[in-house]
Protein backbone atom coordinates (compact mmCIF):
# COMPACT_ATOMS: atom_id res chain seq x y z
CA MET A 1 8.57 -115.22 -133.57
CA SER A 2 9.22 -115.14 -129.83
CA ASP A 3 8.07 -112.29 -127.60
CA ALA A 4 10.53 -109.46 -126.95
CA ASP A 5 10.30 -106.76 -124.32
CA PHE A 6 10.70 -103.05 -125.15
CA SER A 7 13.14 -102.82 -122.22
CA SER A 8 15.70 -104.71 -124.32
CA LEU A 9 16.03 -101.81 -126.77
CA GLY A 10 17.91 -99.30 -124.60
CA LEU A 11 15.37 -96.53 -125.12
CA LEU A 12 15.51 -93.23 -123.27
CA PRO A 13 14.29 -93.86 -119.69
CA ALA A 14 11.39 -91.41 -120.15
CA LEU A 15 10.19 -93.29 -123.25
CA GLN A 16 10.52 -96.67 -121.56
CA GLN A 17 8.58 -95.39 -118.53
CA ASN A 18 5.81 -94.12 -120.78
CA LEU A 19 5.57 -97.43 -122.65
CA VAL A 20 5.03 -99.22 -119.34
CA SER A 21 2.28 -96.74 -118.36
CA LEU A 22 0.62 -97.27 -121.75
CA GLY A 23 0.71 -101.04 -121.28
CA TYR A 24 3.20 -101.57 -124.13
CA MET A 25 5.23 -104.50 -122.81
CA GLN A 26 5.87 -107.00 -125.61
CA MET A 27 6.78 -105.83 -129.09
CA THR A 28 4.65 -106.86 -132.05
CA ALA A 29 6.30 -108.85 -134.83
CA ILE A 30 6.91 -105.80 -137.03
CA GLN A 31 8.38 -103.91 -134.06
CA GLN A 32 10.79 -106.76 -133.24
CA LEU A 33 12.05 -106.76 -136.83
CA SER A 34 12.19 -103.03 -137.49
CA LEU A 35 12.93 -101.23 -134.19
CA PRO A 36 16.55 -102.36 -133.68
CA PRO A 37 17.71 -101.17 -137.14
CA VAL A 38 15.54 -98.03 -136.87
CA LEU A 39 17.18 -97.16 -133.55
CA ALA A 40 20.60 -97.90 -135.07
CA GLY A 41 19.95 -95.23 -137.71
CA LYS A 42 19.71 -97.63 -140.67
CA ASP A 43 17.35 -97.32 -143.62
CA VAL A 44 14.54 -99.87 -143.30
CA LEU A 45 12.18 -101.48 -145.79
CA ALA A 46 9.30 -102.82 -143.72
CA GLN A 47 6.05 -104.65 -144.28
CA GLY A 48 3.63 -102.86 -142.00
CA LYS A 49 -0.15 -102.81 -142.26
CA THR A 50 -2.39 -100.51 -140.27
CA GLY A 51 -2.85 -102.12 -136.86
CA SER A 52 0.50 -103.93 -136.85
CA GLY A 53 2.22 -101.49 -134.49
CA LYS A 54 4.27 -99.78 -137.20
CA THR A 55 3.57 -96.24 -135.91
CA ALA A 56 5.27 -97.07 -132.62
CA ALA A 57 8.14 -98.65 -134.59
CA PHE A 58 9.06 -95.46 -136.42
CA GLY A 59 7.67 -93.11 -133.74
CA LEU A 60 9.98 -94.46 -131.04
CA GLY A 61 12.92 -94.27 -133.44
CA ILE A 62 12.18 -90.60 -134.12
CA LEU A 63 11.61 -89.67 -130.47
CA ASN A 64 14.65 -91.53 -129.14
CA LYS A 65 17.08 -89.29 -131.07
CA LEU A 66 15.04 -86.06 -131.06
CA ASP A 67 16.88 -82.87 -130.05
CA ILE A 68 14.04 -81.25 -128.10
CA GLY A 69 16.07 -78.11 -127.53
CA ARG A 70 16.08 -77.42 -131.28
CA LEU A 71 12.60 -76.35 -132.43
CA ASP A 72 13.17 -77.23 -136.09
CA PRO A 73 11.55 -80.05 -138.08
CA GLN A 74 13.77 -83.09 -137.50
CA ALA A 75 11.47 -85.85 -138.82
CA LEU A 76 9.01 -85.90 -141.71
CA VAL A 77 6.29 -88.58 -141.95
CA LEU A 78 4.34 -88.87 -145.22
CA CYS A 79 0.88 -90.51 -145.11
CA PRO A 80 -1.63 -91.20 -147.91
CA THR A 81 -4.65 -89.60 -146.18
CA ARG A 82 -5.46 -86.91 -143.69
CA GLU A 83 -7.20 -89.44 -141.45
CA LEU A 84 -4.09 -91.59 -141.20
CA ALA A 85 -1.89 -88.53 -140.66
CA ASP A 86 -4.09 -87.44 -137.75
CA GLN A 87 -3.89 -90.92 -136.22
CA VAL A 88 -0.10 -90.96 -136.57
CA CYS A 89 0.10 -87.53 -134.89
CA GLU A 90 -2.02 -88.74 -131.98
CA GLU A 91 0.04 -91.90 -131.50
CA ILE A 92 3.37 -90.04 -131.60
CA ARG A 93 2.04 -87.54 -129.04
CA ARG A 94 1.03 -90.45 -126.79
CA LEU A 95 4.48 -91.98 -127.10
CA ALA A 96 6.08 -88.59 -126.36
CA ARG A 97 3.99 -87.53 -123.39
CA THR A 98 6.82 -88.06 -120.86
CA LEU A 99 9.21 -85.96 -122.98
CA PRO A 100 8.97 -82.20 -122.38
CA ASN A 101 7.39 -79.95 -125.02
CA VAL A 102 7.56 -82.19 -128.09
CA LYS A 103 5.66 -80.43 -130.88
CA VAL A 104 4.06 -82.60 -133.59
CA LEU A 105 2.41 -80.73 -136.45
CA SER A 106 -0.01 -82.10 -139.06
CA LEU A 107 0.11 -80.64 -142.59
CA CYS A 108 -2.68 -82.02 -144.77
CA GLY A 109 -5.08 -80.85 -147.42
CA GLY A 110 -8.50 -79.62 -146.35
CA ARG A 111 -7.02 -77.04 -143.95
CA PRO A 112 -5.94 -73.48 -144.82
CA VAL A 113 -2.33 -73.32 -146.04
CA ALA A 114 -1.87 -69.87 -144.45
CA VAL A 115 -2.89 -71.15 -140.99
CA GLN A 116 -0.47 -74.07 -141.33
CA ALA A 117 2.32 -71.74 -142.47
CA ASP A 118 1.67 -69.58 -139.41
CA SER A 119 1.96 -72.66 -137.15
CA LEU A 120 5.21 -73.62 -138.88
CA SER A 121 6.65 -70.18 -138.17
CA PHE A 122 6.52 -70.99 -134.43
CA GLY A 123 8.55 -74.16 -134.99
CA ALA A 124 7.90 -77.91 -134.68
CA HIS A 125 9.94 -81.05 -134.04
CA ILE A 126 7.99 -83.60 -136.12
CA ILE A 127 5.94 -82.98 -139.26
CA VAL A 128 3.26 -85.45 -140.38
CA GLY A 129 1.36 -84.82 -143.59
CA THR A 130 0.12 -85.81 -147.01
CA PRO A 131 2.59 -85.55 -149.93
CA GLY A 132 0.68 -82.91 -151.87
CA ARG A 133 0.41 -80.48 -148.98
CA ILE A 134 4.02 -81.09 -147.84
CA GLU A 135 5.22 -80.34 -151.39
CA ASP A 136 3.10 -77.17 -151.37
CA HIS A 137 4.76 -75.91 -148.18
CA LEU A 138 8.23 -76.74 -149.51
CA ARG A 139 7.60 -74.75 -152.68
CA ARG A 140 6.28 -71.83 -150.59
CA GLU A 141 9.37 -72.20 -148.37
CA SER A 142 7.17 -72.23 -145.27
CA LEU A 143 8.70 -75.66 -144.51
CA LYS A 144 12.46 -76.23 -144.48
CA LEU A 145 14.19 -79.61 -144.62
CA ASP A 146 17.63 -78.49 -143.39
CA HIS A 147 17.41 -80.36 -140.07
CA ILE A 148 15.41 -83.43 -141.18
CA SER A 149 17.27 -86.53 -140.01
CA CYS A 150 14.48 -89.07 -140.65
CA LEU A 151 11.95 -89.44 -143.49
CA VAL A 152 9.12 -91.97 -143.11
CA LEU A 153 6.88 -93.18 -145.93
CA ASP A 154 3.85 -94.70 -144.21
CA GLU A 155 1.58 -96.96 -146.29
CA ALA A 156 3.74 -96.23 -149.32
CA ASP A 157 1.71 -98.53 -151.59
CA ARG A 158 -1.47 -96.56 -150.85
CA MET A 159 0.31 -93.28 -151.60
CA LEU A 160 1.35 -94.59 -154.99
CA ASP A 161 -2.14 -95.99 -155.66
CA MET A 162 -3.53 -92.51 -155.03
CA GLY A 163 -1.14 -90.86 -157.50
CA PHE A 164 1.27 -89.30 -155.00
CA LEU A 165 4.48 -90.68 -156.54
CA PRO A 166 5.45 -87.37 -158.26
CA SER A 167 5.02 -85.46 -154.99
CA VAL A 168 6.96 -88.09 -153.04
CA GLU A 169 9.81 -87.94 -155.56
CA THR A 170 9.84 -84.14 -155.44
CA ILE A 171 10.07 -84.16 -151.64
CA ILE A 172 12.94 -86.66 -151.73
CA ASP A 173 14.72 -84.62 -154.45
CA MET A 174 14.45 -81.54 -152.20
CA LEU A 175 15.64 -83.43 -149.10
CA LYS A 176 18.70 -85.21 -150.46
CA PRO A 177 20.79 -82.11 -151.34
CA VAL A 178 20.40 -80.61 -147.83
CA GLN A 179 20.37 -83.87 -145.85
CA PRO A 180 22.01 -86.59 -147.97
CA ARG A 181 22.46 -88.88 -144.94
CA ALA A 182 18.88 -88.62 -143.65
CA GLN A 183 17.49 -91.97 -142.51
CA VAL A 184 14.62 -93.26 -144.71
CA LEU A 185 12.00 -95.71 -143.42
CA LEU A 186 9.57 -97.17 -145.94
CA PHE A 187 6.49 -99.04 -144.67
CA SER A 188 4.25 -100.79 -147.17
CA ALA A 189 1.58 -103.47 -146.78
CA THR A 190 2.36 -104.86 -150.25
CA TYR A 191 5.38 -104.90 -152.57
CA PRO A 192 4.32 -104.26 -156.17
CA SER A 193 7.01 -103.38 -158.72
CA ASP A 194 6.63 -99.60 -158.31
CA ILE A 195 7.31 -99.90 -154.56
CA GLN A 196 10.40 -101.98 -155.31
CA ARG A 197 11.63 -99.33 -157.76
CA LEU A 198 10.99 -96.55 -155.24
CA ALA A 199 12.77 -98.46 -152.48
CA ASN A 200 15.77 -99.12 -154.73
CA SER A 201 16.04 -95.43 -155.60
CA ILE A 202 15.75 -93.90 -152.11
CA LEU A 203 17.03 -96.47 -149.58
CA GLN A 204 20.74 -96.91 -148.84
CA ASP A 205 21.76 -100.44 -147.83
CA PRO A 206 18.34 -101.03 -146.18
CA VAL A 207 17.48 -103.62 -143.57
CA SER A 208 14.47 -105.71 -144.60
CA ALA A 209 11.81 -106.05 -141.90
CA ARG A 210 9.29 -108.24 -143.68
CA LEU A 211 7.19 -110.79 -141.83
CA GLU A 212 6.93 -114.38 -142.92
CA GLU A 213 3.50 -114.97 -144.39
CA ASN A 214 2.30 -117.19 -141.55
CA GLU A 215 3.24 -114.49 -139.03
CA SER A 216 1.55 -111.62 -140.83
CA ALA A 217 -1.65 -113.38 -141.83
CA PRO A 218 -4.52 -112.39 -139.54
CA ASP A 219 -7.00 -114.96 -138.27
CA ILE A 220 -9.98 -114.27 -140.53
CA GLU A 221 -13.00 -116.46 -141.24
CA GLN A 222 -14.03 -115.89 -144.85
CA LEU A 223 -17.60 -116.57 -145.98
CA PHE A 224 -18.83 -116.31 -149.58
CA TYR A 225 -22.54 -115.90 -150.35
CA LYS A 226 -24.29 -116.28 -153.69
CA VAL A 227 -26.72 -113.53 -154.79
CA SER A 228 -28.73 -113.35 -158.00
CA ASP A 229 -29.35 -109.61 -158.45
CA GLU A 230 -29.16 -106.23 -156.70
CA GLU A 231 -32.36 -106.82 -154.71
CA SER A 232 -31.10 -110.10 -153.30
CA ARG A 233 -27.74 -108.42 -152.60
CA VAL A 234 -29.42 -105.81 -150.36
CA SER A 235 -31.44 -108.52 -148.62
CA ALA A 236 -28.31 -110.61 -148.06
CA LEU A 237 -26.47 -107.65 -146.56
CA LYS A 238 -29.24 -106.96 -144.04
CA ARG A 239 -29.50 -110.64 -143.07
CA ILE A 240 -25.74 -110.93 -142.55
CA LEU A 241 -25.70 -107.86 -140.30
CA LEU A 242 -28.73 -109.05 -138.32
CA HIS A 243 -27.26 -112.52 -137.96
CA PHE A 244 -23.75 -111.60 -136.79
CA LYS A 245 -24.78 -108.43 -134.87
CA PRO A 246 -21.34 -106.76 -135.17
CA GLU A 247 -20.40 -103.86 -132.94
CA THR A 248 -18.51 -102.44 -135.93
CA ALA A 249 -18.85 -103.44 -139.57
CA LEU A 250 -17.26 -101.99 -142.70
CA VAL A 251 -19.17 -102.53 -145.96
CA PHE A 252 -17.31 -101.99 -149.25
CA CYS A 253 -19.09 -100.72 -152.37
CA THR A 254 -17.70 -99.89 -155.81
CA THR A 255 -19.04 -96.37 -156.42
CA ARG A 256 -20.19 -93.30 -154.52
CA ASN A 257 -23.77 -93.80 -155.74
CA ASP A 258 -23.76 -97.41 -154.52
CA THR A 259 -22.42 -96.26 -151.15
CA ASP A 260 -25.18 -93.68 -150.68
CA GLU A 261 -27.90 -96.05 -151.88
CA VAL A 262 -26.82 -98.94 -149.62
CA CYS A 263 -26.56 -96.55 -146.67
CA ARG A 264 -30.12 -95.32 -147.28
CA GLU A 265 -31.44 -98.88 -147.54
CA LEU A 266 -29.88 -99.77 -144.19
CA GLN A 267 -31.10 -96.56 -142.55
CA VAL A 268 -34.67 -97.35 -143.60
CA HIS A 269 -34.38 -100.72 -141.86
CA GLY A 270 -33.13 -99.01 -138.69
CA PHE A 271 -29.40 -99.68 -138.82
CA ALA A 272 -27.05 -97.16 -137.20
CA VAL A 273 -25.09 -96.58 -140.42
CA LEU A 274 -22.97 -93.92 -142.11
CA ALA A 275 -21.56 -93.51 -145.62
CA LEU A 276 -18.02 -92.47 -146.54
CA HIS A 277 -16.86 -91.65 -150.08
CA GLY A 278 -14.39 -89.42 -151.87
CA GLU A 279 -16.84 -86.71 -152.91
CA MET A 280 -17.63 -85.72 -149.34
CA ASP A 281 -15.88 -82.57 -148.13
CA GLN A 282 -13.24 -82.86 -145.42
CA ARG A 283 -15.53 -81.73 -142.59
CA GLU A 284 -18.09 -84.42 -143.50
CA ARG A 285 -15.34 -87.04 -143.75
CA ASP A 286 -13.95 -86.06 -140.36
CA GLN A 287 -17.36 -86.20 -138.69
CA THR A 288 -18.18 -89.56 -140.28
CA PHE A 289 -14.89 -91.11 -139.20
CA ILE A 290 -15.22 -89.72 -135.67
CA ARG A 291 -18.78 -90.98 -135.23
CA PHE A 292 -17.94 -94.46 -136.51
CA SER A 293 -14.77 -94.82 -134.47
CA ASN A 294 -16.45 -93.64 -131.25
CA GLY A 295 -19.35 -96.11 -131.45
CA SER A 296 -22.07 -93.71 -132.63
CA ALA A 297 -22.65 -95.90 -135.70
CA ARG A 298 -22.26 -99.66 -136.01
CA VAL A 299 -21.96 -99.83 -139.80
CA LEU A 300 -19.85 -97.79 -142.22
CA VAL A 301 -20.46 -98.11 -145.97
CA ALA A 302 -17.44 -96.94 -147.95
CA THR A 303 -15.56 -97.00 -151.23
CA ASP A 304 -12.00 -98.31 -151.38
CA VAL A 305 -10.49 -94.87 -151.90
CA ALA A 306 -12.41 -93.29 -149.01
CA ALA A 307 -11.51 -96.13 -146.63
CA ARG A 308 -7.75 -95.80 -147.18
CA GLY A 309 -6.05 -94.77 -143.99
CA LEU A 310 -9.14 -95.61 -141.93
CA ASP A 311 -8.02 -97.35 -138.76
CA VAL A 312 -10.66 -98.60 -136.34
CA THR A 313 -9.44 -101.02 -133.70
CA GLY A 314 -11.53 -104.10 -133.03
CA LEU A 315 -13.41 -104.12 -136.36
CA ASP A 316 -15.72 -107.14 -136.11
CA LEU A 317 -16.89 -107.63 -139.67
CA VAL A 318 -15.93 -106.65 -143.21
CA ILE A 319 -18.52 -107.16 -145.95
CA ASN A 320 -17.65 -106.97 -149.64
CA TYR A 321 -21.04 -105.82 -150.90
CA HIS A 322 -19.34 -105.62 -154.29
CA PRO A 323 -16.28 -107.86 -154.76
CA ALA A 324 -12.86 -106.21 -154.93
CA ARG A 325 -11.42 -105.53 -158.37
CA ASP A 326 -8.38 -107.76 -157.71
CA GLU A 327 -6.94 -110.15 -155.15
CA GLU A 328 -4.62 -107.55 -153.62
CA THR A 329 -7.51 -105.14 -152.94
CA HIS A 330 -9.56 -108.02 -151.49
CA THR A 331 -6.71 -108.90 -149.13
CA HIS A 332 -6.31 -105.28 -148.05
CA ARG A 333 -10.06 -104.96 -147.40
CA ILE A 334 -10.44 -108.04 -145.27
CA GLY A 335 -7.17 -107.36 -143.44
CA ARG A 336 -8.99 -104.62 -141.52
CA THR A 337 -10.54 -107.28 -139.29
CA GLY A 338 -8.79 -109.97 -137.27
CA ARG A 339 -6.03 -107.69 -136.04
CA ALA A 340 -3.82 -107.77 -132.96
CA GLY A 341 -4.40 -111.47 -132.35
CA SER A 342 -8.22 -111.37 -132.47
CA THR A 343 -10.37 -113.42 -134.83
CA GLY A 344 -12.07 -111.52 -137.64
CA ARG A 345 -14.80 -112.29 -140.13
CA ALA A 346 -15.17 -111.24 -143.78
CA CYS A 347 -18.23 -111.85 -145.97
CA THR A 348 -18.27 -111.47 -149.76
CA LEU A 349 -21.39 -111.33 -151.96
CA LEU A 350 -20.93 -112.94 -155.39
CA THR A 351 -23.16 -113.55 -158.39
CA GLY A 352 -23.18 -116.85 -160.20
CA ALA A 353 -20.90 -115.36 -162.87
CA GLN A 354 -18.20 -114.86 -160.25
CA ASN A 355 -17.23 -118.46 -159.77
CA ARG A 356 -16.50 -119.70 -156.26
CA THR A 357 -16.41 -123.38 -155.47
CA VAL A 358 -17.87 -123.19 -151.95
CA PHE A 359 -20.75 -120.90 -151.00
CA SER A 360 -22.08 -120.54 -147.47
CA GLU A 361 -25.79 -120.62 -146.79
CA LEU A 362 -27.25 -117.17 -146.26
CA PRO A 363 -28.87 -116.42 -142.89
CA PRO A 364 -32.66 -116.96 -143.00
CA LEU A 365 -35.13 -114.45 -144.48
CA SER A 366 -37.00 -114.40 -141.19
CA LEU A 367 -34.22 -112.22 -139.73
CA LEU A 368 -35.58 -109.29 -141.76
CA LYS A 369 -38.46 -109.07 -139.27
CA GLN A 370 -35.99 -108.08 -136.55
CA ARG A 371 -34.88 -104.56 -135.73
CA PRO A 372 -31.14 -103.91 -135.54
CA GLU A 373 -29.36 -103.05 -132.31
CA PRO A 374 -29.05 -99.27 -131.90
CA ALA A 375 -25.66 -97.63 -131.45
CA SER A 376 -24.44 -97.63 -127.87
CA MET A 377 -23.18 -94.06 -128.12
CA LEU A 378 -24.20 -90.77 -129.72
CA THR A 379 -21.98 -87.81 -130.57
CA LEU A 380 -22.14 -84.20 -129.42
CA GLN A 381 -20.31 -81.56 -131.43
CA ILE A 382 -19.01 -78.68 -129.32
CA ASP A 383 -18.31 -75.30 -130.91
CA GLY A 384 -14.64 -74.83 -130.01
CA GLY A 385 -11.49 -76.84 -130.61
CA LYS A 386 -7.72 -76.61 -130.70
CA ARG A 387 -7.88 -72.97 -131.77
CA ASP A 388 -9.60 -72.28 -128.43
CA LYS A 389 -7.03 -74.37 -126.48
CA ILE A 390 -9.72 -76.93 -125.58
CA ARG A 391 -8.37 -80.30 -124.44
CA PRO A 392 -10.15 -83.63 -123.88
CA THR A 393 -9.79 -83.16 -120.10
CA ASP A 394 -11.71 -79.86 -120.35
CA VAL A 395 -14.64 -81.61 -122.04
CA LEU A 396 -14.60 -84.54 -119.64
CA GLY A 397 -14.47 -82.21 -116.64
CA ALA A 398 -17.39 -80.13 -117.88
CA LEU A 399 -19.54 -83.24 -118.34
CA THR A 400 -18.71 -85.02 -115.09
CA GLY A 401 -18.14 -82.04 -112.81
CA THR A 402 -21.78 -81.79 -111.71
CA GLY A 403 -21.84 -85.42 -110.55
CA GLU A 404 -24.82 -86.26 -112.78
CA LEU A 405 -22.64 -88.16 -115.26
CA SER A 406 -19.69 -90.45 -114.55
CA GLY A 407 -16.66 -91.22 -116.66
CA SER A 408 -18.27 -94.49 -117.77
CA ASP A 409 -21.02 -92.48 -119.52
CA ILE A 410 -18.45 -90.73 -121.68
CA GLY A 411 -16.69 -92.32 -124.65
CA LYS A 412 -14.00 -91.07 -126.99
CA ILE A 413 -13.28 -87.34 -127.15
CA ARG A 414 -11.75 -85.97 -130.35
CA ILE A 415 -10.57 -82.37 -130.73
CA THR A 416 -10.17 -80.81 -134.20
CA HIS A 417 -9.10 -77.29 -135.08
CA ASN A 418 -12.60 -75.79 -134.90
CA ALA A 419 -14.65 -78.28 -132.88
CA ALA A 420 -14.66 -80.92 -130.18
CA TYR A 421 -16.57 -84.19 -130.50
CA VAL A 422 -17.57 -86.31 -127.53
CA ALA A 423 -19.32 -89.69 -127.49
CA VAL A 424 -21.95 -90.04 -124.77
CA SER A 425 -24.01 -93.11 -123.88
CA SER A 426 -27.27 -92.97 -125.83
CA ALA A 427 -29.38 -92.99 -122.65
CA ASN A 428 -27.63 -89.86 -121.35
CA ILE A 429 -27.20 -87.78 -124.49
CA ASN A 430 -29.93 -85.27 -123.58
CA LEU A 431 -28.61 -84.89 -120.04
CA ALA A 432 -25.10 -84.28 -121.39
CA GLN A 433 -26.40 -81.56 -123.69
CA GLN A 434 -28.24 -79.91 -120.79
CA ILE A 435 -25.13 -79.99 -118.58
CA LEU A 436 -23.01 -78.36 -121.27
CA ALA A 437 -25.69 -75.74 -121.97
CA LYS A 438 -25.62 -74.67 -118.30
CA GLY A 439 -21.86 -74.95 -117.77
CA LYS A 440 -18.71 -73.54 -119.33
CA ILE A 441 -15.60 -74.86 -121.05
CA LYS A 442 -12.50 -72.68 -120.76
CA GLY A 443 -14.68 -69.98 -119.24
CA LYS A 444 -17.09 -69.89 -122.18
CA THR A 445 -20.60 -71.24 -122.64
CA ALA A 446 -20.43 -74.35 -124.79
CA ARG A 447 -22.71 -74.42 -127.81
CA THR A 448 -23.47 -77.99 -128.80
CA LYS A 449 -25.13 -79.89 -131.62
CA ARG A 450 -26.19 -83.52 -131.64
CA LEU A 451 -24.98 -85.51 -134.63
CA ASP A 452 -27.61 -88.10 -135.58
C-alpha cells in the first residue's frame, strides 16, 4: 500500500495543523483504509490491532465533526480494559489540543461511580469507557445517549473474550431508539464467528477496512526453545533475557501463581521486573503499568487477561514462558513486538511433548553468572493528581526549576485522579525527591514516595 498524506483528507485546518506538529505525516495502512469512510460518516468494519494507528483513525473522525459548542456526549468509545480506555483518552486529547475546550471523559470500573456521575453532570463531548461501567451509568441515567452520533467498539474481540457481549448489546439497544442513524465503527484484531455476528447485527452497509495479510503481519523473529521441566524453564528464561538484553520484555504465564513465582525468581537474580495479573486491585495495576511503560522496569510478567489493552511502544521482546492455549492467542501475544515497522523478537519455551520441528539452541549457562542491566529510570509517586488540577507541566517545572535537573533527566509523567507519577533517571532519583520536598506544586508542598 502506497503512502498517503493526512493533508489529502480535508480535515479541519486546526486538526491538520496539530497533526503536523505531532509529526503525523503519512497515514498508516489501517488509517488509509478506514479514515476516508469514517470521515464520510459510513459504518466501518476494520482490522486494527493496538499500535496500528487505529485510535487516530476513529479519533480524527470524531473530532472532525464535533460540535464543540454543545457540551453533550456526541461520541462513545467502548474499550475492553481501563488501561486501554485511558490510552485512548490521552491520544484523543493529543489529537484535539488545537481545538478549544474539547472535554474527553473516561468512565471505567475501579473508580467511584458517584464521582464519575458528578463529572458527567458538568458535560462532556466524548465518552471513553468499559462496557460494564457505561451500562451502569446508562441504567442510573447519569449518562444520556440522545446526542451520540458515533459509537466505536475498540478491540471488539477482546471485549467479547472478556464476557462483555451482554453489556455491549444492552448499550446498542439503548442507543438505537434515540439515535438510529448513529455511525458505528468496529475495530477488531481478529474475526471469529461471534464478531461476524455482532458486526452483521449492528453495522449498516459497512465499509470493510481489512489489511491484506502481508501488509498487517509485523516483522517478528520467532525462536522456539526446548525445556525439560520447570527448573530448566526458569533457567532458560533468565538466559534468554541476559542474552538479548531487552530494554522492554513481556513474559506470558498461564496463572497468577506462575506470574508471581516467575517474578520472584527474576527479582532474586537482580532483574528489574514487575508482575501483572487479574487479582491485583486497580491501584496496583495502574502503578505497575505506569512503571513498566516509563522505563522503571525492564521486564513485565503477566497473564493473558491482565495484559489485554496493554500498549507499550517499542516492546523489544515477548517470551511465552508457558505456550499460548491456541494459535490465535499466540499470534496476539507476539504481535505486541515488531510494531510500526520495527523488527521484533518472540521466544517460546516448549517441552518435548509440545512438538516443534525446529528448536533453537538456548543461550549458554555461563550467562547466569552475569548480573542484569538495571532499569534506566525510577518512579516517584506524588501525592496529588487531577483532582488537585496538577498537570505534567507543573511536575516538570517543579523538578527543573532549580536548575539542578534538566529535562533530559525526566521521563514520562502520568497524572491519575489522586496521584502523579514521574520517571526520573536512576542516578538522580534522590536529588529529585529532595527538590520536591523543598519546593511546591500548585502552591502546596509535594509529598513523594519512591516506587521500587
